[in-house]
Amino acid sequence: MRKRWHLWVAGRVQGVFYRANTAEVARRLGLVGWVKNLPDGRVEIVAEGKEENLQEFLVWCRQGPPAAQVTEVEVKEESYTGEFSQFFIKR
C-alpha cells in the first residue's frame, strides 16, 4: 500500500546540502515527490511510496546529512495521489 507524507524539517537544514541528500536518499528508497527550502529556514518535503520506505526515510530526515542539525520534523499523512514519477528538488 502506498502512502503520501508531507514533512517540515526545522533546524540547521539550509546551506548544508539537505535537499540534495534528501533527494538522493528518497530515490534510493524508491520514493517519489519533492523537497524545497522555505523562506522561514525550514525544508518542506512531499514523499510518496511504500510505508516501510517512508518510515526509513523519516529516520534519515530526523538526522539529515553530516552538517545538518535537525531540531524538529513535523509529519502529516495525506491522501496518496500518484501524481509524481520521480523525486526532485523544487526551486
C-alpha atoms as a PDB file:
ATOM      1  CA  MET A   1       0.000   0.000   0.000  1.00  0.00           C
ATOM      2  CA  ARG A   2       1.365   3.384  -0.993  1.00  0.00           C
ATOM      3  CA  LYS A   3       1.133   6.462   1.177  1.00  0.00           C
ATOM      4  CA  ARG A   4       1.864  10.174   0.990  1.00  0.00           C
ATOM      5  CA  TRP A   5       3.667  12.058   3.740  1.00  0.00           C
ATOM      6  CA  HIS A   6       4.148  15.812   3.982  1.00  0.00           C
ATOM      7  CA  LEU A   7       7.119  16.815   6.153  1.00  0.00           C
ATOM      8  CA  TRP A   8       8.505  20.066   7.511  1.00  0.00           C
ATOM      9  CA  VAL A   9      12.065  19.889   8.819  1.00  0.00           C
ATOM     10  CA  ALA A  10      13.439  22.576  11.157  1.00  0.00           C
ATOM     11  CA  GLY A  11      16.921  23.336  12.447  1.00  0.00           C
ATOM     12  CA  ARG A  12      20.122  23.991  10.545  1.00  0.00           C
ATOM     13  CA  VAL A  13      18.845  22.441   7.324  1.00  0.00           C
ATOM     14  CA  GLN A  14      19.565  25.062   4.662  1.00  0.00           C
ATOM     15  CA  GLY A  15      23.026  25.557   3.185  1.00  0.00           C
ATOM     16  CA  VAL A  16      24.128  22.082   4.333  1.00  0.00           C
ATOM     17  CA  PHE A  17      23.096  20.051   1.233  1.00  0.00           C
ATOM     18  CA  TYR A  18      19.956  18.823   2.981  1.00  0.00           C
ATOM     19  CA  ARG A  19      17.832  18.991  -0.193  1.00  0.00           C
ATOM     20  CA  ALA A  20      20.373  17.211  -2.394  1.00  0.00           C
ATOM     21  CA  ASN A  21      20.888  14.444   0.150  1.00  0.00           C
ATOM     22  CA  THR A  22      17.138  14.143   0.730  1.00  0.00           C
ATOM     23  CA  ALA A  23      16.557  13.613  -2.993  1.00  0.00           C
ATOM     24  CA  GLU A  24      19.333  11.013  -3.157  1.00  0.00           C
ATOM     25  CA  VAL A  25      18.003   9.059  -0.164  1.00  0.00           C
ATOM     26  CA  ALA A  26      14.406   9.249  -1.425  1.00  0.00           C
ATOM     27  CA  ARG A  27      15.396   7.940  -4.862  1.00  0.00           C
ATOM     28  CA  ARG A  28      17.427   5.117  -3.309  1.00  0.00           C
ATOM     29  CA  LEU A  29      14.337   4.124  -1.286  1.00  0.00           C
ATOM     30  CA  GLY A  30      12.087   4.221  -4.357  1.00  0.00           C
ATOM     31  CA  LEU A  31      10.127   7.266  -3.190  1.00  0.00           C
ATOM     32  CA  VAL A  32       8.729   9.984  -5.440  1.00  0.00           C
ATOM     33  CA  GLY A  33       7.840  13.604  -4.679  1.00  0.00           C
ATOM     34  CA  TRP A  34       9.819  16.761  -3.983  1.00  0.00           C
ATOM     35  CA  VAL A  35      11.861  18.767  -1.492  1.00  0.00           C
ATOM     36  CA  LYS A  36      12.286  22.553  -1.230  1.00  0.00           C
ATOM     37  CA  ASN A  37      13.634  25.268   1.052  1.00  0.00           C
ATOM     38  CA  LEU A  38      11.128  27.540   2.778  1.00  0.00           C
ATOM     39  CA  PRO A  39      11.673  31.266   3.457  1.00  0.00           C
ATOM     40  CA  ASP A  40      11.474  30.633   7.225  1.00  0.00           C
ATOM     41  CA  GLY A  41      14.579  28.388   7.152  1.00  0.00           C
ATOM     42  CA  ARG A  42      12.767  25.048   7.192  1.00  0.00           C
ATOM     43  CA  VAL A  43      12.757  22.394   4.469  1.00  0.00           C
ATOM     44  CA  GLU A  44       9.447  21.078   3.116  1.00  0.00           C
ATOM     45  CA  ILE A  45       9.099  17.575   1.663  1.00  0.00           C
ATOM     46  CA  VAL A  46       6.296  15.659  -0.011  1.00  0.00           C
ATOM     47  CA  ALA A  47       7.064  11.968  -0.457  1.00  0.00           C
ATOM     48  CA  GLU A  48       5.006   9.080  -1.772  1.00  0.00           C
ATOM     49  CA  GLY A  49       5.803   5.392  -1.645  1.00  0.00           C
ATOM     50  CA  LYS A  50       5.581   2.242   0.423  1.00  0.00           C
ATOM     51  CA  GLU A  51       5.075   2.817   4.136  1.00  0.00           C
ATOM     52  CA  GLU A  52       8.185   0.875   5.163  1.00  0.00           C
ATOM     53  CA  ASN A  53      10.294   3.026   2.830  1.00  0.00           C
ATOM     54  CA  LEU A  54       8.677   6.205   4.165  1.00  0.00           C
ATOM     55  CA  GLN A  55       9.493   5.056   7.714  1.00  0.00           C
ATOM     56  CA  GLU A  56      13.155   4.557   6.774  1.00  0.00           C
ATOM     57  CA  PHE A  57      13.144   7.937   5.024  1.00  0.00           C
ATOM     58  CA  LEU A  58      11.744   9.607   8.149  1.00  0.00           C
ATOM     59  CA  VAL A  59      14.563   8.151  10.258  1.00  0.00           C
ATOM     60  CA  TRP A  60      17.048   9.709   7.828  1.00  0.00           C
ATOM     61  CA  CYS A  61      15.189  13.066   7.746  1.00  0.00           C
ATOM     62  CA  ARG A  62      15.434  13.325  11.536  1.00  0.00           C
ATOM     63  CA  GLN A  63      19.222  13.204  11.254  1.00  0.00           C
ATOM     64  CA  GLY A  64      19.964  14.614   7.791  1.00  0.00           C
ATOM     65  CA  PRO A  65      23.409  14.970   6.240  1.00  0.00           C
ATOM     66  CA  PRO A  66      26.505  15.412   8.456  1.00  0.00           C
ATOM     67  CA  ALA A  67      26.456  19.252   8.518  1.00  0.00           C
ATOM     68  CA  ALA A  68      22.746  19.479   9.402  1.00  0.00           C
ATOM     69  CA  GLN A  69      21.315  19.920  12.883  1.00  0.00           C
ATOM     70  CA  VAL A  70      17.679  18.838  12.779  1.00  0.00           C
ATOM     71  CA  THR A  71      15.639  20.084  15.732  1.00  0.00           C
ATOM     72  CA  GLU A  72      12.135  19.061  14.648  1.00  0.00           C
ATOM     73  CA  VAL A  73      10.332  17.080  11.946  1.00  0.00           C
ATOM     74  CA  GLU A  74       6.589  17.557  11.564  1.00  0.00           C
ATOM     75  CA  VAL A  75       4.859  14.794   9.606  1.00  0.00           C
ATOM     76  CA  LYS A  76       1.351  14.864   8.189  1.00  0.00           C
ATOM     77  CA  GLU A  77      -0.133  11.913   6.328  1.00  0.00           C
ATOM     78  CA  GLU A  78      -2.148  12.952   3.289  1.00  0.00           C
ATOM     79  CA  SER A  79      -4.111  11.106   0.639  1.00  0.00           C
ATOM     80  CA  TYR A  80      -1.904   9.269  -1.848  1.00  0.00           C
ATOM     81  CA  THR A  81      -2.216  10.834  -5.310  1.00  0.00           C
ATOM     82  CA  GLY A  82       0.296   9.002  -7.519  1.00  0.00           C
ATOM     83  CA  GLU A  83       0.992  12.299  -9.293  1.00  0.00           C
ATOM     84  CA  PHE A  84       4.806  12.006  -9.282  1.00  0.00           C
ATOM     85  CA  SER A  85       7.091   9.877 -11.464  1.00  0.00           C
ATOM     86  CA  GLN A  86      10.335  10.821  -9.716  1.00  0.00           C
ATOM     87  CA  PHE A  87      11.767  12.650  -6.704  1.00  0.00           C
ATOM     88  CA  PHE A  88      13.036  16.156  -7.459  1.00  0.00           C
ATOM     89  CA  ILE A  89      14.291  19.361  -5.872  1.00  0.00           C
ATOM     90  CA  LYS A  90      11.676  22.104  -6.194  1.00  0.00           C
ATOM     91  CA  ARG A  91      13.047  25.619  -6.637  1.00  0.00           C
END
